[in-house]
Amino acid sequence: MLKELGGPFLASLFITTLILAAGNIIQTADMVVNKGVEIGQVIKLFLLFLPYVLIFTIPISVLAAVLLGFGRMSSDNEVTALRTSGVSIYRVIFPAIICGLLISLANVPLNDKILPQSEFEARKLAKTLGVKHPTALLEPGVFIKGFKDYIIFVHDIKGNKLDGIRIYQPQDEGPTRTVVAEKGEILTLPDGTGVRLKLMDGTADEIDSESPDTFYKLSFEEYYMTLNLENAVNVNSIQKKAREKSIKELYREMNDLKRDDINAIPLKVELHKKLALAFSNLVFVLIGIPLAITTHRREKFIGFGLAIALFLVYWSIMLGGVAFAIRGIVPAWIGVWSANILLAALSGVLFLRVSGK
């Protein structure tokens, strides 16, 4: 049984991890080739990203393995042969259920310790890279808010060359100052605390000396701006987000908020998500076995596609439950565990049908 399920599990894990990590692989390659980031730092950033991918790919792979393994056995009438020989269906599936439970238990430290710490370290490393390689902070087609006092949009970036630049400087009072340039170039300051932009062929809003609340348009061939990184990329001041905290840290913060009579539902949701996602592996084993036996399909493509579809259903139910929990319509644990509960209940109904009861 373990041989039957082990091969599809490892193959599915490799394929799904590669697919979900593909975007990050392209981004990391761009950081090395076009933005001058050291390859060692980029590899470290990529490895820190992997635990986040695994919390999704492991459950998908478990489900795919069960659907493919039991689907093949069912289509070859092996399950029927075992049952007619007097072997109970529950004895046949027992090893798979034990494996699902063990994988779920192994995923608890992944979700509780490894993932939060890796995400926090990845965020700090990304900030550090932003100081050493300011171009790594810039991404084409995105409004960038990583620089103090400025919001930047760049249409295209090639190395340290920029095309289609728009820089916005919101004012506490009065209209937002805007600088537009067709082309530009990034020049790093020697002290590493900022970035000097050389902008070419554009216009800039300048303050009218006679009326400080108004601007006038200035056309330029070359225009220089200094963007401060010191406050925007202070690694020591970075605080952990809820998803970057362990269960113990979440409990501690929830108790602190409770003493101040502050609603801690978002923290409760994050805490239950760590456990619910871990035990989704066991739920997928329970739902996958009777589904595979009743469908009698052994085609790998269909089995893998069905695993993806069922995981999307699971994820949609969980997100709906989380939304209800955040709004206070249902308790946090019900909202987060709703997908596990519903699929486990459905698996019980399917098992009754398969066993003929």
Protein backbone atom coordinates (compact mmCIF):
# COMPACT_ATOMS: atom_id res chain seq x y z
CA MET A 1 0.00 0.00 0.00
CA LEU A 2 2.79 2.42 0.91
CA LYS A 3 4.58 1.62 -2.36
CA GLU A 4 1.38 2.28 -4.26
CA LEU A 5 0.95 5.71 -2.67
CA GLY A 6 4.59 6.75 -2.21
CA GLY A 7 5.46 7.17 -5.91
CA PRO A 8 2.47 9.41 -6.82
CA PHE A 9 3.01 11.44 -3.63
CA LEU A 10 6.65 12.26 -4.41
CA ALA A 11 5.90 12.96 -8.09
CA SER A 12 2.97 15.25 -7.22
CA LEU A 13 5.04 17.02 -4.55
CA PHE A 14 7.81 17.74 -7.05
CA ILE A 15 5.44 18.94 -9.80
CA THR A 16 3.21 21.14 -7.61
CA THR A 17 6.18 22.68 -5.77
CA LEU A 18 7.85 23.46 -9.11
CA ILE A 19 4.65 25.03 -10.47
CA LEU A 20 3.97 27.19 -7.41
CA ALA A 21 7.62 28.21 -7.10
CA ALA A 22 8.00 29.02 -10.82
CA GLY A 23 7.09 32.68 -10.39
CA ASN A 24 9.57 33.04 -7.55
CA ILE A 25 12.28 31.29 -9.60
CA ILE A 26 11.81 33.84 -12.41
CA GLN A 27 11.89 36.71 -9.94
CA THR A 28 15.06 35.47 -8.24
CA ALA A 29 16.76 35.00 -11.62
CA ASP A 30 15.85 38.59 -12.50
CA MET A 31 17.40 39.79 -9.23
CA VAL A 32 20.71 38.12 -10.15
CA VAL A 33 20.82 39.02 -13.86
CA ASN A 34 19.29 42.50 -13.93
CA LYS A 35 19.59 43.87 -10.40
CA GLY A 36 23.05 42.72 -9.36
CA VAL A 37 22.04 40.83 -6.21
CA GLU A 38 24.54 38.18 -5.05
CA ILE A 39 23.44 34.69 -6.06
CA GLY A 40 24.02 33.36 -2.53
CA GLN A 41 21.55 35.87 -1.08
CA VAL A 42 19.02 35.09 -3.78
CA ILE A 43 19.26 31.34 -3.15
CA LYS A 44 18.78 31.97 0.57
CA LEU A 45 15.69 34.09 -0.16
CA PHE A 46 14.29 31.34 -2.40
CA LEU A 47 14.87 28.63 0.25
CA LEU A 48 13.10 30.80 2.84
CA PHE A 49 10.14 30.98 0.45
CA LEU A 50 9.83 27.17 0.10
CA PRO A 51 8.05 26.42 3.43
CA TYR A 52 5.18 28.69 2.34
CA VAL A 53 4.83 26.64 -0.86
CA LEU A 54 4.97 23.34 1.02
CA ILE A 55 1.96 24.09 3.23
CA PHE A 56 -0.09 23.97 0.01
CA THR A 57 1.77 21.38 -2.05
CA ILE A 58 1.96 18.69 0.64
CA PRO A 59 -1.86 18.43 1.08
CA ILE A 60 -2.37 18.52 -2.70
CA SER A 61 0.22 15.75 -3.12
CA VAL A 62 -1.37 13.63 -0.38
CA LEU A 63 -4.75 13.93 -2.09
CA ALA A 64 -3.29 13.21 -5.53
CA ALA A 65 -1.47 10.12 -4.22
CA VAL A 66 -4.64 8.73 -2.66
CA LEU A 67 -6.74 9.39 -5.75
CA LEU A 68 -4.15 7.87 -8.09
CA GLY A 69 -3.24 4.89 -5.88
CA PHE A 70 -6.73 3.79 -4.89
CA GLY A 71 -8.08 4.76 -8.31
CA ARG A 72 -5.69 2.33 -9.98
CA MET A 73 -6.50 -0.42 -7.46
CA SER A 74 -10.21 0.12 -7.99
CA SER A 75 -9.99 0.18 -11.80
CA ASP A 76 -7.98 -3.08 -11.72
CA ASN A 77 -10.62 -4.61 -9.41
CA GLU A 78 -8.05 -5.19 -6.67
CA VAL A 79 -10.34 -3.62 -4.06
CA THR A 80 -13.21 -5.87 -5.20
CA ALA A 81 -10.96 -8.94 -5.05
CA LEU A 82 -9.87 -8.12 -1.50
CA ARG A 83 -13.45 -7.59 -0.35
CA THR A 84 -14.69 -10.83 -1.94
CA SER A 85 -11.81 -12.62 -0.18
CA GLY A 86 -13.24 -11.45 3.13
CA VAL A 87 -10.81 -8.57 3.73
CA SER A 88 -12.59 -5.57 5.24
CA ILE A 89 -12.30 -2.29 3.33
CA TYR A 90 -11.29 -0.61 6.58
CA ARG A 91 -8.35 -2.98 6.96
CA VAL A 92 -7.25 -2.07 3.42
CA ILE A 93 -7.35 1.67 4.05
CA PHE A 94 -5.91 1.61 7.58
CA PRO A 95 -2.24 2.08 6.52
CA ALA A 96 -3.18 5.11 4.39
CA ILE A 97 -5.11 6.72 7.26
CA ILE A 98 -2.15 6.21 9.62
CA CYS A 99 0.16 7.82 7.04
CA GLY A 100 -2.26 10.75 6.69
CA LEU A 101 -2.24 11.22 10.46
CA LEU A 102 1.57 11.09 10.64
CA ILE A 103 1.93 13.62 7.81
CA SER A 104 -0.55 15.90 9.58
CA LEU A 105 1.39 15.70 12.83
CA ALA A 106 4.64 16.40 10.94
CA ASN A 107 3.03 19.47 9.36
CA VAL A 108 2.23 21.02 12.76
CA PRO A 109 5.85 22.11 13.44
CA LEU A 110 6.14 23.17 9.78
CA ASN A 111 3.18 25.55 10.15
CA ASP A 112 3.96 26.54 13.74
CA LYS A 113 7.73 27.04 13.78
CA ILE A 114 9.42 26.68 10.38
CA LEU A 115 7.02 28.66 8.18
CA PRO A 116 6.59 31.71 10.48
CA GLN A 117 10.32 31.99 11.10
CA SER A 118 11.23 31.57 7.41
CA GLU A 119 8.69 34.22 6.34
CA PHE A 120 10.00 36.67 8.95
CA GLU A 121 13.63 36.03 7.94
CA ALA A 122 12.71 36.38 4.26
CA ARG A 123 11.09 39.76 4.89
CA LYS A 124 14.15 40.98 6.81
CA LEU A 125 16.49 39.71 4.09
CA ALA A 126 14.41 41.41 1.39
CA LYS A 127 14.69 44.69 3.31
CA THR A 128 18.46 44.24 3.66
CA LEU A 129 18.81 43.58 -0.06
CA GLY A 130 16.82 46.74 -0.66
CA VAL A 131 19.53 48.75 1.13
CA LYS A 132 22.45 47.09 -0.66
CA HIS A 133 20.71 46.86 -4.04
CA PRO A 134 18.02 49.56 -4.33
CA THR A 135 16.95 48.27 -7.74
CA ALA A 136 15.67 45.17 -5.96
CA LEU A 137 13.03 47.38 -4.34
CA LEU A 138 11.75 48.50 -7.73
CA GLU A 139 9.33 46.31 -9.65
CA PRO A 140 7.84 47.32 -13.01
CA GLY A 141 4.10 47.95 -13.13
CA VAL A 142 3.74 48.27 -9.34
CA PHE A 143 3.18 51.31 -7.12
CA ILE A 144 6.21 51.18 -4.80
CA LYS A 145 5.90 52.69 -1.32
CA GLY A 146 9.25 51.59 0.11
CA PHE A 147 10.83 55.06 -0.04
CA LYS A 148 10.12 57.75 2.52
CA ASP A 149 7.67 60.45 1.34
CA TYR A 150 7.39 59.08 -2.21
CA ILE A 151 5.23 56.65 -4.20
CA ILE A 152 6.94 55.47 -7.38
CA PHE A 153 5.62 53.77 -10.51
CA VAL A 154 7.99 52.51 -13.22
CA HIS A 155 6.72 51.04 -16.47
CA ASP A 156 9.87 49.06 -17.31
CA ILE A 157 13.22 48.30 -15.61
CA LYS A 158 16.39 46.93 -17.22
CA GLY A 159 19.30 46.81 -14.81
CA ASN A 160 19.61 50.33 -13.43
CA LYS A 161 17.81 51.87 -16.44
CA LEU A 162 14.19 52.97 -16.04
CA ASP A 163 11.45 53.74 -18.57
CA GLY A 164 8.11 55.46 -18.00
CA ILE A 165 8.60 56.91 -14.51
CA ARG A 166 5.98 58.61 -12.35
CA ILE A 167 6.87 59.82 -8.85
CA TYR A 168 4.22 61.07 -6.44
CA GLN A 169 4.91 63.06 -3.27
CA PRO A 170 1.75 63.40 -1.15
CA GLN A 171 1.55 66.66 0.83
CA ASP A 172 0.07 67.02 4.30
CA GLU A 173 -1.79 70.03 3.01
CA GLY A 174 -2.44 70.76 -0.64
CA PRO A 175 -2.22 68.69 -3.83
CA THR A 176 0.17 65.81 -4.45
CA ARG A 177 3.43 66.76 -6.14
CA THR A 178 4.12 64.77 -9.32
CA VAL A 179 7.29 64.15 -11.33
CA VAL A 180 7.02 62.43 -14.74
CA ALA A 181 9.98 61.30 -16.86
CA GLU A 182 10.37 59.26 -20.01
CA LYS A 183 13.65 57.68 -18.90
CA GLY A 184 15.81 57.46 -15.82
CA GLU A 185 18.84 55.91 -14.16
CA ILE A 186 19.49 54.69 -10.60
CA LEU A 187 22.63 55.97 -8.87
CA THR A 188 23.38 54.52 -5.42
CA LEU A 189 24.67 56.96 -2.82
CA PRO A 190 28.10 56.08 -1.36
CA ASP A 191 26.82 55.87 2.23
CA GLY A 192 24.10 53.39 1.22
CA THR A 193 21.33 55.34 2.93
CA GLY A 194 19.52 56.35 -0.23
CA VAL A 195 19.16 56.33 -3.99
CA ARG A 196 19.82 59.16 -6.41
CA LEU A 197 17.58 59.15 -9.47
CA LYS A 198 18.71 60.77 -12.69
CA LEU A 199 15.51 61.54 -14.59
CA MET A 200 15.47 62.57 -18.26
CA ASP A 201 12.94 64.24 -20.52
CA GLY A 202 10.02 65.02 -18.28
CA THR A 203 8.11 67.47 -16.12
CA ALA A 204 8.12 68.21 -12.39
CA ASP A 205 5.79 70.08 -10.08
CA GLU A 206 7.68 72.86 -8.29
CA ILE A 207 6.42 75.02 -5.43
CA ASP A 208 5.44 78.54 -6.38
CA SER A 209 7.47 80.87 -4.14
CA GLU A 210 4.67 83.43 -4.14
CA SER A 211 2.00 80.84 -3.32
CA PRO A 212 3.45 77.83 -1.35
CA ASP A 213 0.16 75.92 -1.63
CA THR A 214 0.35 75.75 -5.44
CA PHE A 215 2.74 74.24 -7.99
CA TYR A 216 3.94 75.19 -11.44
CA LYS A 217 5.12 72.78 -14.15
CA LEU A 218 8.82 72.62 -14.91
CA SER A 219 10.02 70.87 -18.07
CA PHE A 220 13.49 69.34 -17.87
CA GLU A 221 16.05 67.40 -19.86
CA GLU A 222 17.80 66.14 -16.71
CA TYR A 223 16.48 66.21 -13.15
CA TYR A 224 17.98 64.65 -10.01
CA MET A 225 16.08 63.33 -6.99
CA THR A 226 17.34 61.70 -3.79
CA LEU A 227 15.17 58.97 -2.24
CA ASN A 228 15.82 58.17 1.43
CA LEU A 229 16.10 54.49 2.40
CA GLU A 230 17.22 54.87 6.02
CA ASN A 231 13.78 54.96 7.65
CA ALA A 232 11.99 52.84 5.07
CA VAL A 233 14.37 49.87 5.38
CA ASN A 234 15.26 49.67 9.06
CA VAL A 235 15.63 45.92 9.61
CA ASN A 236 15.86 46.25 13.40
CA SER A 237 12.47 47.94 13.58
CA ILE A 238 10.61 45.20 11.67
CA GLN A 239 7.86 43.59 13.74
CA LYS A 240 6.36 40.16 13.17
CA LYS A 241 3.02 39.90 11.41
CA ALA A 242 0.40 37.50 12.80
CA ARG A 243 1.29 34.76 10.29
CA GLU A 244 4.97 35.10 11.25
CA LYS A 245 4.31 34.17 14.88
CA SER A 246 4.27 30.74 16.47
CA ILE A 247 1.26 29.35 18.32
CA LYS A 248 2.96 30.21 21.62
CA GLU A 249 3.55 33.81 20.52
CA LEU A 250 -0.04 34.13 19.29
CA TYR A 251 -1.36 32.86 22.63
CA ARG A 252 0.82 35.36 24.49
CA GLU A 253 -0.36 38.28 22.35
CA MET A 254 -4.01 37.16 22.61
CA ASN A 255 -3.76 37.18 26.40
CA ASP A 256 -2.20 40.65 26.35
CA LEU A 257 -5.01 41.97 24.13
CA LYS A 258 -7.63 40.28 26.29
CA ARG A 259 -6.36 42.14 29.37
CA ASP A 260 -6.83 45.40 27.46
CA ASP A 261 -10.27 44.27 26.27
CA ILE A 262 -9.18 44.28 22.59
CA ASN A 263 -10.73 41.94 20.03
CA ALA A 264 -8.14 39.29 19.05
CA ILE A 265 -10.17 37.44 16.39
CA PRO A 266 -7.52 37.86 13.64
CA LEU A 267 -4.95 36.19 15.92
CA LYS A 268 -7.36 33.37 16.78
CA VAL A 269 -7.99 32.83 13.07
CA GLU A 270 -4.26 32.63 12.35
CA LEU A 271 -3.72 30.19 15.22
CA HIS A 272 -6.45 27.81 14.03
CA LYS A 273 -5.24 28.07 10.41
CA LYS A 274 -1.88 26.62 11.40
CA LEU A 275 -3.56 23.51 12.84
CA ALA A 276 -6.40 23.21 10.31
CA LEU A 277 -4.02 23.29 7.33
CA ALA A 278 -1.79 20.69 9.00
CA PHE A 279 -4.69 18.26 9.56
CA SER A 280 -6.08 18.84 6.07
CA ASN A 281 -3.71 16.02 5.04
CA LEU A 282 -5.69 13.52 7.14
CA VAL A 283 -8.97 14.94 5.83
CA PHE A 284 -7.79 14.54 2.22
CA VAL A 285 -6.89 10.90 2.87
CA LEU A 286 -10.37 10.30 4.32
CA ILE A 287 -12.19 12.00 1.42
CA GLY A 288 -9.82 10.76 -1.30
CA ILE A 289 -10.10 7.01 -0.62
CA PRO A 290 -13.87 6.54 -1.14
CA LEU A 291 -13.83 9.09 -3.97
CA ALA A 292 -11.12 7.13 -5.80
CA ILE A 293 -12.86 3.79 -5.24
CA THR A 294 -16.21 5.04 -6.54
CA THR A 295 -14.81 6.85 -9.62
CA HIS A 296 -12.64 3.89 -10.79
CA ARG A 297 -10.20 6.20 -12.63
CA ARG A 298 -6.50 5.42 -12.97
CA GLU A 299 -5.47 8.17 -15.42
CA LYS A 300 -2.76 10.30 -13.81
CA PHE A 301 -3.87 13.54 -15.46
CA ILE A 302 -7.48 13.14 -14.30
CA GLY A 303 -6.43 12.15 -10.78
CA PHE A 304 -4.07 15.11 -10.48
CA GLY A 305 -6.68 17.50 -11.88
CA LEU A 306 -9.30 16.18 -9.45
CA ALA A 307 -6.86 16.72 -6.56
CA ILE A 308 -6.31 20.35 -7.58
CA ALA A 309 -10.07 20.92 -7.96
CA LEU A 310 -10.87 19.38 -4.58
CA PHE A 311 -8.14 21.43 -2.88
CA LEU A 312 -9.59 24.61 -4.42
CA VAL A 313 -13.01 23.64 -3.03
CA TYR A 314 -11.41 23.08 0.38
CA TRP A 315 -9.59 26.42 0.23
CA SER A 316 -12.74 28.28 -0.87
CA ILE A 317 -14.73 26.85 2.05
CA MET A 318 -11.96 27.80 4.48
CA LEU A 319 -11.72 31.36 3.12
CA GLY A 320 -15.50 31.71 3.42
CA GLY A 321 -15.37 30.45 6.99
CA VAL A 322 -12.53 32.85 7.82
CA ALA A 323 -14.55 35.75 6.41
CA PHE A 324 -17.51 34.81 8.64
CA ALA A 325 -15.17 34.49 11.64
CA ILE A 326 -13.55 37.90 11.04
CA ARG A 327 -17.01 39.49 10.94
CA GLY A 328 -17.94 37.78 14.20
CA ILE A 329 -20.75 35.74 12.63
CA VAL A 330 -19.24 32.42 13.78
CA PRO A 331 -16.51 31.56 16.33
CA ALA A 332 -12.98 31.60 14.93
CA TRP A 333 -12.45 27.85 15.29
CA ILE A 334 -15.67 27.01 13.42
CA GLY A 335 -14.84 29.38 10.58
CA VAL A 336 -11.31 28.06 10.08
CA TRP A 337 -12.11 24.37 10.62
CA SER A 338 -15.30 24.49 8.49
CA ALA A 339 -13.60 22.96 5.43
CA ASN A 340 -12.08 20.11 7.47
CA ILE A 341 -15.38 19.41 9.21
CA LEU A 342 -17.48 19.42 6.01
CA LEU A 343 -15.07 17.24 4.00
CA ALA A 344 -14.64 14.81 6.90
CA ALA A 345 -18.43 14.50 7.19
CA LEU A 346 -18.72 13.94 3.44
CA SER A 347 -16.03 11.25 3.62
CA GLY A 348 -18.10 9.44 6.27
CA VAL A 349 -21.10 9.38 3.93
CA LEU A 350 -18.96 8.10 1.03
CA PHE A 351 -17.39 5.40 3.20
CA LEU A 352 -20.86 4.13 4.14
CA ARG A 353 -21.71 3.87 0.43
CA VAL A 354 -18.44 2.11 -0.40
CA SER A 355 -18.82 -0.38 2.46
CA GLY A 356 -22.39 -1.13 1.35
CA LYS A 357 -24.00 0.00 4.62
